[in-house]
Amino acid sequence: MVATLRKSVTVKKGGVIHIRSPKLRGGEKADVIVLVSAAKPKRKTKAGKKYSALDWLEKNAVNDPSLPRDWAHQHDHYLYGTPKKKD
């Protein structure tokens, strides 16, 4: 008999996972497949506050009149040298 068991668990220090279920009987063999969700990296500022990509853009935005005004629309042209898009 094959029983399917799905549990969400937190991996403990050292990669240890505990699963308890009445479907599991002592002494039986089990195949275990572990799917790990990619954790979102948490960036912090020096003050310890969360730091997002939007915060970075706001902090590093440049208002320089010498830069092209159509940068966003024509970024492929400026980055890779492709012909400019028609408006």
C-alpha atoms as a PDB file:
ATOM      1  CA  MET A   1       0.000   0.000   0.000  1.00  0.00           C
ATOM      2  CA  VAL A   2       1.266   3.475  -0.883  1.00  0.00           C
ATOM      3  CA  ALA A   3       0.220   6.386   1.312  1.00  0.00           C
ATOM      4  CA  THR A   4       0.892   9.984   0.385  1.00  0.00           C
ATOM      5  CA  LEU A   5       1.744  12.460   3.087  1.00  0.00           C
ATOM      6  CA  ARG A   6       2.338  16.152   2.519  1.00  0.00           C
ATOM      7  CA  LYS A   7       3.611  18.349   5.348  1.00  0.00           C
ATOM      8  CA  SER A   8       5.068  21.837   5.511  1.00  0.00           C
ATOM      9  CA  VAL A   9       7.920  21.869   7.993  1.00  0.00           C
ATOM     10  CA  THR A  10      10.696  24.150   9.123  1.00  0.00           C
ATOM     11  CA  VAL A  11      14.189  22.773   8.684  1.00  0.00           C
ATOM     12  CA  LYS A  12      16.039  22.904  11.974  1.00  0.00           C
ATOM     13  CA  LYS A  13      19.713  23.553  12.567  1.00  0.00           C
ATOM     14  CA  GLY A  14      21.855  20.902  10.944  1.00  0.00           C
ATOM     15  CA  GLY A  15      19.234  20.168   8.265  1.00  0.00           C
ATOM     16  CA  VAL A  16      16.970  18.187  10.606  1.00  0.00           C
ATOM     17  CA  ILE A  17      13.306  17.725   9.667  1.00  0.00           C
ATOM     18  CA  HIS A  18      10.721  16.184  12.001  1.00  0.00           C
ATOM     19  CA  ILE A  19       7.521  14.675  10.595  1.00  0.00           C
ATOM     20  CA  ARG A  20       4.822  13.113  12.788  1.00  0.00           C
ATOM     21  CA  SER A  21       1.736  11.475  11.376  1.00  0.00           C
ATOM     22  CA  PRO A  22      -0.582   8.573  12.203  1.00  0.00           C
ATOM     23  CA  LYS A  23      -0.012   7.436   8.584  1.00  0.00           C
ATOM     24  CA  LEU A  24       3.609   6.654   9.496  1.00  0.00           C
ATOM     25  CA  ARG A  25       4.202   3.414  11.407  1.00  0.00           C
ATOM     26  CA  GLY A  26       7.442   2.574  13.145  1.00  0.00           C
ATOM     27  CA  GLY A  27       9.701   0.190  11.274  1.00  0.00           C
ATOM     28  CA  GLU A  28       8.234   0.858   7.823  1.00  0.00           C
ATOM     29  CA  LYS A  29      10.383   2.069   4.953  1.00  0.00           C
ATOM     30  CA  ALA A  30       9.566   5.440   3.362  1.00  0.00           C
ATOM     31  CA  ASP A  31      10.836   7.405   0.378  1.00  0.00           C
ATOM     32  CA  VAL A  32      11.208  11.065   1.270  1.00  0.00           C
ATOM     33  CA  ILE A  33      11.344  13.887  -1.280  1.00  0.00           C
ATOM     34  CA  VAL A  34      12.327  17.304   0.041  1.00  0.00           C
ATOM     35  CA  LEU A  35      11.349  20.429  -1.914  1.00  0.00           C
ATOM     36  CA  VAL A  36      12.998  23.553  -0.549  1.00  0.00           C
ATOM     37  CA  SER A  37      11.421  26.945  -1.256  1.00  0.00           C
ATOM     38  CA  ALA A  38      13.906  29.618  -2.205  1.00  0.00           C
ATOM     39  CA  ALA A  39      14.037  32.122   0.603  1.00  0.00           C
ATOM     40  CA  LYS A  40      13.885  35.782  -0.313  1.00  0.00           C
ATOM     41  CA  PRO A  41      17.097  37.482   0.721  1.00  0.00           C
ATOM     42  CA  LYS A  42      16.518  40.130   3.338  1.00  0.00           C
ATOM     43  CA  ARG A  43      18.663  43.170   2.855  1.00  0.00           C
ATOM     44  CA  LYS A  44      19.137  45.509   5.733  1.00  0.00           C
ATOM     45  CA  THR A  45      20.436  49.016   5.974  1.00  0.00           C
ATOM     46  CA  LYS A  46      22.982  50.037   8.544  1.00  0.00           C
ATOM     47  CA  ALA A  47      20.121  51.028  10.836  1.00  0.00           C
ATOM     48  CA  GLY A  48      18.751  47.468  10.606  1.00  0.00           C
ATOM     49  CA  LYS A  49      15.632  48.381   8.620  1.00  0.00           C
ATOM     50  CA  LYS A  50      14.453  46.331   5.629  1.00  0.00           C
ATOM     51  CA  TYR A  51      15.926  47.536   2.344  1.00  0.00           C
ATOM     52  CA  SER A  52      14.068  46.951  -0.925  1.00  0.00           C
ATOM     53  CA  ALA A  53      14.999  47.384  -4.572  1.00  0.00           C
ATOM     54  CA  LEU A  54      12.682  50.382  -4.699  1.00  0.00           C
ATOM     55  CA  ASP A  55      14.625  51.964  -1.839  1.00  0.00           C
ATOM     56  CA  TRP A  56      17.844  51.414  -3.803  1.00  0.00           C
ATOM     57  CA  LEU A  57      16.388  52.997  -6.950  1.00  0.00           C
ATOM     58  CA  GLU A  58      15.118  55.989  -5.009  1.00  0.00           C
ATOM     59  CA  LYS A  59      18.491  56.475  -3.329  1.00  0.00           C
ATOM     60  CA  ASN A  60      20.497  56.085  -6.563  1.00  0.00           C
ATOM     61  CA  ALA A  61      18.232  57.903  -9.015  1.00  0.00           C
ATOM     62  CA  VAL A  62      20.081  60.527 -11.011  1.00  0.00           C
ATOM     63  CA  ASN A  63      18.554  63.693 -12.407  1.00  0.00           C
ATOM     64  CA  ASP A  64      21.262  64.599 -14.882  1.00  0.00           C
ATOM     65  CA  PRO A  65      20.228  66.678 -17.924  1.00  0.00           C
ATOM     66  CA  SER A  66      23.092  65.176 -19.953  1.00  0.00           C
ATOM     67  CA  LEU A  67      21.453  61.723 -19.868  1.00  0.00           C
ATOM     68  CA  PRO A  68      19.055  60.761 -22.681  1.00  0.00           C
ATOM     69  CA  ARG A  69      15.412  61.540 -21.887  1.00  0.00           C
ATOM     70  CA  ASP A  70      14.251  58.425 -23.759  1.00  0.00           C
ATOM     71  CA  TRP A  71      16.469  56.063 -21.731  1.00  0.00           C
ATOM     72  CA  ALA A  72      13.642  53.811 -20.497  1.00  0.00           C
ATOM     73  CA  HIS A  73      11.996  53.476 -23.904  1.00  0.00           C
ATOM     74  CA  GLN A  74      15.254  53.073 -25.856  1.00  0.00           C
ATOM     75  CA  HIS A  75      17.310  51.115 -23.301  1.00  0.00           C
ATOM     76  CA  ASP A  76      18.191  48.359 -25.841  1.00  0.00           C
ATOM     77  CA  HIS A  77      19.691  51.025 -28.100  1.00  0.00           C
ATOM     78  CA  TYR A  78      21.812  52.527 -25.325  1.00  0.00           C
ATOM     79  CA  LEU A  79      22.863  49.193 -23.787  1.00  0.00           C
ATOM     80  CA  TYR A  80      23.298  46.961 -26.842  1.00  0.00           C
ATOM     81  CA  GLY A  81      23.473  49.307 -29.826  1.00  0.00           C
ATOM     82  CA  THR A  82      20.260  48.095 -31.480  1.00  0.00           C
ATOM     83  CA  PRO A  83      18.435  50.517 -33.769  1.00  0.00           C
ATOM     84  CA  LYS A  84      16.155  52.965 -31.937  1.00  0.00           C
ATOM     85  CA  LYS A  85      12.502  51.977 -31.700  1.00  0.00           C
ATOM     86  CA  LYS A  86      10.000  54.103 -33.549  1.00  0.00           C
ATOM     87  CA  ASP A  87       7.739  56.083 -31.257  1.00  0.00           C
END
